[in-house]
Amino acid sequence: MQAIAIVGYRGESFHMVANQKIIAAINEQIGNEFSAMLQYYAISAHFGAEALPELSAHFHKQAEEEKQHALRFIQFVIDVGARVDIPALAAPQGAFKVAEAAVKLSLEQEEQVTAQINALLAMAKAESDYTTDNFLQWFVKEQLEEVASMEQLLRIVQRAGEGNLLRVEEYLAREKGRGVVSEE
């Protein structure tokens, strides 16, 4: 890892901790996190329109968590003295024929984000960037929890079936009361 001298707006110079290749990848990940956030808001709105308030609330909470992940990455980029460059985002899918399709999409999204975090971590290790490596460890643990939580929700939705989504609503309400579902 090589520190890069950057000249600030007043002419002072400072050194960046992470390298440009990793910063570019992290900026891309910021977009991925915001994209996940938008997808979860769209799923939340879909379930809200279907009169499934617990599913809607669950995905709204997931969206807020993804936003916090993006903000965590933004702060890291700022902390290492680099510039944040958020990429353009595609529109999320907003309508689903069945609840299972929305939850499957969410699981696939979490698996994709896990692969993205792992790729960032591999890049940090390859570049001997211990600062980024350390920062990403929180996300590794978080993604394990996110994937496991979404796999469980998918199994429950599949078991209930489209005609019994009120059972899924009951499950989410019960688990929320215990503080079990999707803890950060």
Foldseek 3Di string as FASTA:
>chain_A
DDWDWDQDPVRDIDTFQDDPVLLVLLLALLQLLLQLLQQLQLLLVQCVVVVLNLSSVLSNVVSVVSNVVSVLSCVVCVVRPHDRDHDDYDHHDRYDPAPLVSLVVNLVSLVVSLVSLVVSLVVCVVVVSVVVNVSSVVVNVLSVLSNVLSVVLSVVCVVCDRVRCVVSSVVSVVCVVVVHHNDD
